[in-house]
Amino acid sequence: MSERAAPFFCPYCGDEDLRPSEAGHGAWECHGCRRAFQLKFLGLLSATNGGPSDDQRND
């Protein structure tokens, strides 16, 4: 299995000084703005719940 993707930028300040947090899986710390946040994959979107329909993908 491949490694998990890591965020490139802080979602709050845009700084790139991110480090994994000891708070748990998917938790990160930004040393630029001193915020901690957690990322979680929720699933894939379908055409019925907000994803592009087949017609929109071909445009």
C-alpha atoms as a PDB file:
ATOM      1  CA  MET A   1       0.000   0.000   0.000  1.00  0.00           C
ATOM      2  CA  SER A   2       1.250   3.513  -0.751  1.00  0.00           C
ATOM      3  CA  GLU A   3       2.003   6.222   1.788  1.00  0.00           C
ATOM      4  CA  ARG A   4      -0.649   8.722   2.775  1.00  0.00           C
ATOM      5  CA  ALA A   5      -0.563  12.113   1.093  1.00  0.00           C
ATOM      6  CA  ALA A   6       0.614  15.033   3.181  1.00  0.00           C
ATOM      7  CA  PRO A   7      -0.741  18.587   2.966  1.00  0.00           C
ATOM      8  CA  PHE A   8       1.549  21.089   1.247  1.00  0.00           C
ATOM      9  CA  PHE A   9       0.064  24.258   2.777  1.00  0.00           C
ATOM     10  CA  CYS A  10      -1.679  25.245   5.998  1.00  0.00           C
ATOM     11  CA  PRO A  11      -5.420  25.688   5.280  1.00  0.00           C
ATOM     12  CA  TYR A  12      -5.465  28.753   7.555  1.00  0.00           C
ATOM     13  CA  CYS A  13      -2.389  30.815   6.681  1.00  0.00           C
ATOM     14  CA  GLY A  14      -0.914  29.085   3.616  1.00  0.00           C
ATOM     15  CA  ASP A  15       2.478  28.527   5.256  1.00  0.00           C
ATOM     16  CA  GLU A  16       4.486  25.451   4.264  1.00  0.00           C
ATOM     17  CA  ASP A  17       6.058  24.793   7.698  1.00  0.00           C
ATOM     18  CA  LEU A  18       3.838  21.798   8.553  1.00  0.00           C
ATOM     19  CA  ARG A  19       4.771  18.899  10.803  1.00  0.00           C
ATOM     20  CA  PRO A  20       2.852  15.776  11.809  1.00  0.00           C
ATOM     21  CA  SER A  21       1.188  16.134  15.195  1.00  0.00           C
ATOM     22  CA  GLU A  22       1.208  13.621  18.014  1.00  0.00           C
ATOM     23  CA  ALA A  23      -2.537  14.241  18.440  1.00  0.00           C
ATOM     24  CA  GLY A  24      -3.422  11.318  16.180  1.00  0.00           C
ATOM     25  CA  HIS A  25      -3.772  10.027  12.645  1.00  0.00           C
ATOM     26  CA  GLY A  26      -4.087  12.824  10.088  1.00  0.00           C
ATOM     27  CA  ALA A  27      -3.222  15.551  12.607  1.00  0.00           C
ATOM     28  CA  TRP A  28      -0.816  18.322  11.569  1.00  0.00           C
ATOM     29  CA  GLU A  29       0.728  21.392  13.184  1.00  0.00           C
ATOM     30  CA  CYS A  30       1.516  24.639  11.389  1.00  0.00           C
ATOM     31  CA  HIS A  31       4.517  26.356  12.892  1.00  0.00           C
ATOM     32  CA  GLY A  32       3.755  29.514  10.916  1.00  0.00           C
ATOM     33  CA  CYS A  33       0.424  30.353  12.569  1.00  0.00           C
ATOM     34  CA  ARG A  34       0.670  27.890  15.514  1.00  0.00           C
ATOM     35  CA  ARG A  35      -2.591  26.129  14.587  1.00  0.00           C
ATOM     36  CA  ALA A  36      -3.257  22.407  14.690  1.00  0.00           C
ATOM     37  CA  PHE A  37      -5.676  20.719  12.315  1.00  0.00           C
ATOM     38  CA  GLN A  38      -6.710  17.254  11.213  1.00  0.00           C
ATOM     39  CA  LEU A  39      -7.329  15.910   7.711  1.00  0.00           C
ATOM     40  CA  LYS A  40      -9.758  13.114   6.982  1.00  0.00           C
ATOM     41  CA  PHE A  41     -10.792  11.521   3.695  1.00  0.00           C
ATOM     42  CA  LEU A  42     -14.577  11.278   3.611  1.00  0.00           C
ATOM     43  CA  GLY A  43     -15.131   9.469   0.309  1.00  0.00           C
ATOM     44  CA  LEU A  44     -15.733  10.079  -3.363  1.00  0.00           C
ATOM     45  CA  LEU A  45     -18.508  12.282  -4.717  1.00  0.00           C
ATOM     46  CA  SER A  46     -21.016  10.946  -7.200  1.00  0.00           C
ATOM     47  CA  ALA A  47     -23.201  12.824  -9.666  1.00  0.00           C
ATOM     48  CA  THR A  48     -26.114  12.600  -7.202  1.00  0.00           C
ATOM     49  CA  ASN A  49     -24.292  14.257  -4.290  1.00  0.00           C
ATOM     50  CA  GLY A  50     -22.243  17.054  -5.840  1.00  0.00           C
ATOM     51  CA  GLY A  51     -19.757  15.403  -8.174  1.00  0.00           C
ATOM     52  CA  PRO A  52     -19.646  16.235 -11.887  1.00  0.00           C
ATOM     53  CA  SER A  53     -22.062  14.392 -14.122  1.00  0.00           C
ATOM     54  CA  ASP A  54     -20.861  12.459 -17.172  1.00  0.00           C
ATOM     55  CA  ASP A  55     -21.845  15.404 -19.403  1.00  0.00           C
ATOM     56  CA  GLN A  56     -19.751  17.860 -17.372  1.00  0.00           C
ATOM     57  CA  ARG A  57     -16.656  15.605 -17.378  1.00  0.00           C
ATOM     58  CA  ASN A  58     -16.485  15.599 -21.167  1.00  0.00           C
ATOM     59  CA  ASP A  59     -16.588  19.411 -21.518  1.00  0.00           C
END
